[in-house]
Protein backbone atom coordinates (compact mmCIF):
# COMPACT_ATOMS: atom_id res chain seq x y z
CA ILE A 1 86.56 -28.98 125.66
CA ILE A 2 82.91 -30.52 124.19
CA PRO A 3 79.72 -28.91 126.26
CA ALA A 4 77.62 -31.29 126.82
CA VAL A 5 74.91 -31.89 124.88
CA LYS A 6 71.10 -32.20 126.24
CA PRO A 7 67.85 -33.85 124.60
CA ASN A 8 65.27 -31.22 123.51
CA GLU A 9 61.52 -31.38 122.33
CA ASN A 10 62.86 -32.42 118.84
CA THR A 11 65.17 -34.88 119.51
CA PHE A 12 62.12 -36.81 121.33
CA ASN A 13 60.15 -36.31 118.00
CA GLN A 14 62.57 -37.67 116.28
CA LEU A 15 63.10 -40.78 118.84
CA LEU A 16 58.94 -41.22 118.58
CA ARG A 17 58.95 -40.87 115.14
CA CYS A 18 60.76 -43.66 114.32
CA ASN A 19 58.04 -46.37 115.64
CA ARG A 20 56.37 -48.30 112.40
CA ARG A 21 53.09 -49.40 112.75
CA GLY A 22 52.48 -51.73 115.68
CA ASP A 23 54.74 -49.50 117.63
CA GLY A 24 52.35 -47.34 119.62
CA LYS A 25 52.68 -49.29 123.00
CA ARG A 26 56.65 -48.96 122.39
CA GLY A 27 55.80 -44.78 122.25
CA VAL A 28 53.80 -45.19 125.52
CA TYR A 29 57.12 -46.65 126.80
CA THR A 30 58.84 -43.73 126.02
CA ILE A 31 56.75 -41.05 127.18
CA GLU A 32 56.77 -42.63 130.78
CA TRP A 33 60.63 -42.97 130.49
CA MET A 34 60.90 -39.36 129.65
CA LYS A 35 59.05 -38.28 132.86
CA GLU A 36 60.90 -40.84 134.69
CA LYS A 37 63.66 -39.33 133.78
CA GLY A 38 62.78 -35.29 133.98
CA PHE A 39 62.48 -34.63 130.59
CA GLU A 40 59.31 -32.45 129.83
CA VAL A 41 56.67 -34.25 127.87
CA ARG A 42 55.13 -31.86 125.59
CA ARG A 43 51.88 -31.89 123.18
CA SER A 44 54.35 -32.52 120.18
CA HIS A 45 55.30 -35.90 121.85
CA THR A 46 51.88 -37.76 122.82
CA ALA A 47 50.06 -36.29 119.65
CA ILE A 48 52.56 -38.49 117.47
CA VAL A 49 51.89 -41.58 119.95
CA VAL A 50 48.26 -40.89 120.24
CA ARG A 51 48.28 -41.03 116.47
CA GLN A 52 50.20 -44.10 116.49
CA LEU A 53 48.30 -45.74 118.75
CA PHE A 54 45.28 -45.25 117.05
CA LEU A 55 46.73 -46.16 113.86
CA ASP A 56 47.70 -49.78 115.20
CA PHE A 57 44.13 -50.05 116.53
CA VAL A 58 42.04 -49.65 113.39
CA GLY A 59 45.14 -51.95 111.39
CA GLU A 60 44.53 -54.10 114.28
CA THR A 61 48.22 -54.41 115.04
CA GLY A 62 48.69 -55.32 118.91
CA VAL A 63 46.35 -52.47 120.48
CA THR A 64 43.93 -54.42 122.13
CA ASN A 65 43.61 -52.07 125.79
CA MET A 66 43.58 -48.48 124.11
CA ASP A 67 41.86 -47.35 127.71
CA SER A 68 44.35 -47.93 129.63
CA LEU A 69 47.40 -47.49 127.40
CA LEU A 70 45.74 -43.58 127.21
CA GLU A 71 45.33 -43.63 130.96
CA ARG A 72 49.39 -43.97 131.12
CA LEU A 73 49.98 -40.94 129.07
CA LEU A 74 47.42 -39.03 130.90
CA ALA A 75 49.00 -40.04 133.90
CA CYS A 76 52.32 -38.64 132.59
CA LEU A 77 50.84 -34.99 132.30
CA GLU A 78 50.31 -32.73 135.36
CA LYS A 79 49.84 -29.49 134.01
CA LYS A 80 45.96 -28.34 132.51
CA ARG A 81 46.97 -27.09 129.30
CA ASP A 82 49.33 -30.47 128.82
CA ARG A 83 46.12 -32.56 130.00
CA SER A 84 43.68 -30.37 127.50
CA ASP A 85 46.05 -30.87 124.77
CA LEU A 86 46.11 -34.96 124.98
CA TYR A 87 42.54 -34.95 125.86
CA ASP A 88 41.90 -32.91 122.82
CA SER A 89 44.08 -35.44 120.54
CA ILE A 90 42.26 -38.15 121.93
CA ILE A 91 38.80 -36.96 120.72
CA ARG A 92 40.32 -35.58 117.09
CA GLN A 93 41.32 -39.40 116.53
CA THR A 94 38.71 -41.18 118.10
CA VAL A 95 36.13 -39.13 116.00
CA GLU A 96 38.38 -39.73 112.92
CA VAL A 97 38.35 -43.77 113.40
CA GLY A 98 34.55 -43.34 113.57
CA LEU A 99 34.12 -43.99 117.47
CA LEU A 100 31.73 -41.13 118.26
CA LYS A 101 30.16 -42.81 121.60
CA GLU A 102 34.17 -42.84 122.93
CA ALA A 103 34.26 -39.75 121.39
CA GLU A 104 32.19 -37.69 123.81
CA ASP A 105 33.07 -39.84 126.81
CA TRP A 106 35.93 -38.70 126.68
CA ALA A 107 35.24 -35.11 126.11
CA LYS A 108 33.00 -35.40 128.77
CA ARG A 109 35.98 -36.32 131.04
CA ALA A 110 37.96 -33.64 130.32
CA ALA A 111 35.01 -31.52 130.91
CA ASP A 112 34.90 -33.20 134.11
CA GLU A 113 37.98 -32.00 135.06
CA GLY A 114 37.31 -28.51 133.78
CA LEU A 115 39.53 -28.33 130.60
CA TRP A 116 38.13 -26.83 127.53
CA ILE A 117 37.57 -28.49 124.44
CA PRO A 118 39.61 -26.33 121.47
CA VAL A 119 36.97 -24.44 119.16
CA LYS A 120 37.66 -26.56 116.15
CA THR A 121 37.25 -29.51 117.94
CA CYS A 122 33.88 -28.68 119.06
CA TYR A 123 32.68 -28.49 115.12
CA SER A 124 34.40 -32.26 114.35
CA MET A 125 32.16 -33.66 117.05
CA ALA A 126 29.34 -31.31 115.71
CA LYS A 127 30.12 -32.59 112.40
CA ALA A 128 30.36 -35.97 112.97
CA ASN A 129 27.00 -36.05 115.50
CA PHE A 130 25.34 -35.01 112.39
CA LYS A 131 26.49 -36.93 110.02
CA ASP A 132 25.69 -40.33 112.59
CA GLY A 133 22.11 -38.54 112.52
CA ASP A 134 22.34 -36.83 116.36
CA GLU A 135 21.24 -33.18 115.16
CA VAL A 136 20.60 -32.32 119.13
CA SER A 137 24.47 -33.46 120.17
CA SER A 138 25.27 -31.21 116.81
CA LEU A 139 23.81 -27.98 117.87
CA ARG A 140 25.11 -28.74 121.58
CA TRP A 141 28.56 -28.98 120.19
CA ILE A 142 27.95 -26.22 117.92
CA ASP A 143 26.92 -24.04 121.17
CA ALA A 144 29.98 -25.49 122.61
CA ALA A 145 32.09 -23.16 119.97
CA ARG A 146 30.57 -19.79 121.89
CA ARG A 147 33.54 -19.07 124.05
CA GLU A 148 35.69 -18.41 120.44
CA LYS A 149 36.25 -14.45 120.33
CA GLY A 150 33.64 -12.70 118.37
CA SER A 151 31.24 -15.92 118.56
CA THR A 152 27.80 -15.06 117.36
CA SER A 153 25.09 -17.67 116.27
CA LEU A 154 25.07 -16.53 112.67
CA THR A 155 28.95 -17.24 112.97
CA ARG A 156 29.05 -20.61 114.88
CA LEU A 157 26.18 -22.00 112.33
CA GLY A 158 28.23 -20.63 109.26
CA ARG A 159 31.48 -22.47 110.31
CA PHE A 160 29.36 -25.26 110.85
CA VAL A 161 27.84 -25.17 107.50
CA ASP A 162 31.56 -24.78 106.08
CA VAL A 163 32.74 -27.56 108.12
CA VAL A 164 30.11 -29.99 107.00
CA THR A 165 30.26 -29.11 103.50
CA ALA A 166 33.62 -29.37 102.98
CA LEU A 167 35.32 -30.76 99.94
CA ARG A 168 36.50 -34.46 100.41
CA GLY A 169 39.85 -34.10 101.69
CA SER A 170 39.91 -29.65 101.39
CA SER A 171 39.94 -27.25 104.48
CA GLU A 172 36.75 -26.18 104.85
CA GLY A 173 34.87 -23.58 102.47
CA GLU A 174 37.80 -24.31 99.88
CA TYR A 175 36.43 -23.59 96.81
CA SER A 176 37.15 -24.70 93.21
CA PRO A 177 35.45 -24.88 90.09
CA THR A 178 36.82 -28.44 88.82
CA THR A 179 35.94 -30.09 92.20
CA SER A 180 31.95 -30.42 92.13
CA GLU A 181 32.91 -34.02 92.39
CA ARG A 182 34.41 -33.80 95.53
CA VAL A 183 31.24 -32.72 97.08
CA ASP A 184 28.51 -34.91 99.25
CA VAL A 185 25.26 -33.10 97.58
CA GLY A 186 23.62 -35.46 100.11
CA LEU A 187 25.12 -33.45 102.25
CA VAL A 188 24.73 -30.33 101.40
CA ASP A 189 20.91 -30.91 100.99
CA ARG A 190 20.58 -32.53 104.65
CA THR A 191 22.29 -29.53 105.77
CA ALA A 192 20.32 -26.61 104.01
CA SER A 193 17.82 -28.55 105.55
CA PHE A 194 18.71 -28.79 108.83
CA MET A 195 19.33 -24.76 108.93
CA THR A 196 15.37 -24.83 107.18
CA ARG A 197 14.40 -26.76 110.16
CA LEU A 198 15.93 -24.93 112.92
CA CYS A 199 14.36 -21.60 112.02
CA SER A 200 11.30 -22.71 111.09
CA ASP A 201 10.63 -24.06 114.68
CA SER A 202 12.11 -20.88 115.74
CA THR A 203 15.30 -22.70 117.34
CA VAL A 204 17.27 -20.26 115.23
CA ALA A 205 15.99 -16.41 114.71
CA LYS A 206 16.22 -15.65 110.39
CA GLU A 207 18.98 -12.99 110.70
CA ASP A 208 20.81 -15.61 112.26
CA VAL A 209 20.31 -18.33 109.30
CA PRO A 210 23.92 -18.43 107.65
CA TYR A 211 22.30 -18.46 104.20
CA LEU A 212 25.82 -17.26 102.36
CA LYS A 213 27.14 -20.11 103.15
CA ILE A 214 24.29 -22.29 102.53
CA MET A 215 24.63 -20.81 99.00
CA GLN A 216 28.40 -20.82 98.67
CA ALA A 217 27.59 -25.05 99.43
CA TYR A 218 25.73 -25.17 96.26
CA SER A 219 27.72 -23.17 94.40
CA ARG A 220 30.90 -25.74 95.54
CA ALA A 221 28.40 -28.02 94.27
CA LYS A 222 27.44 -27.21 91.51
CA ARG A 223 24.06 -26.99 92.50
CA PRO A 224 22.64 -24.03 90.99
CA GLN A 225 18.83 -24.44 91.93
CA GLY A 226 19.68 -24.99 95.36
CA ALA A 227 21.73 -21.69 95.11
CA ALA A 228 18.87 -19.75 94.00
CA ASP A 229 16.47 -21.49 95.76
CA TRP A 230 18.34 -20.17 98.88
CA LEU A 231 18.96 -16.70 97.33
CA GLU A 232 14.90 -16.64 97.37
CA LYS A 233 14.89 -16.94 101.19
CA MET A 234 17.00 -14.10 101.83
CA ALA A 235 14.74 -12.07 100.54
């Protein structure tokens, strides 16, 4: 007798990955079908669908009612952890496509449900607001990352510098002597100026300014004068 084979998490992952551009809505129907049939809906499933929906939205391939589709996904989840993971996916994808106001709205909804935004997403929001010129909101998101174990003002600001000045298409803080062309020098200068203002107006204590991180950013950008200026400030 051949035992019955039951679908598992990976089974549905593969099914959802079958969807092509323009099939984001089909992914929502699949999640709803899983819920109806009693299969557990996990982050790996909803993350695939959310990414597909946003690809369709940006590519203008049939997704015009994004909010209602995302609401339907949320309706399939009851556990706080699962809902938190879905909100995180939505916020990150919304930021990625440049819809900062909408990302803030989704973050507020998550907070209203008492759900935490992951630290990595807090820094993504801080970076997006900073690049958009909203330094106040950027500071708010940096502060939101304080729940990370061992977090201090110095480590949070240092992580922010790394995230904002990361090489294009790389991880934060990555260094290579051949990749200076991938550094946004203007953004490095803006970040350094931001840190200077925070210290000057006493928003941040001098000992909490991430001098070394800023010097590293100038090093990646091959800007020796900028690094030297910040070395002098450390004295």
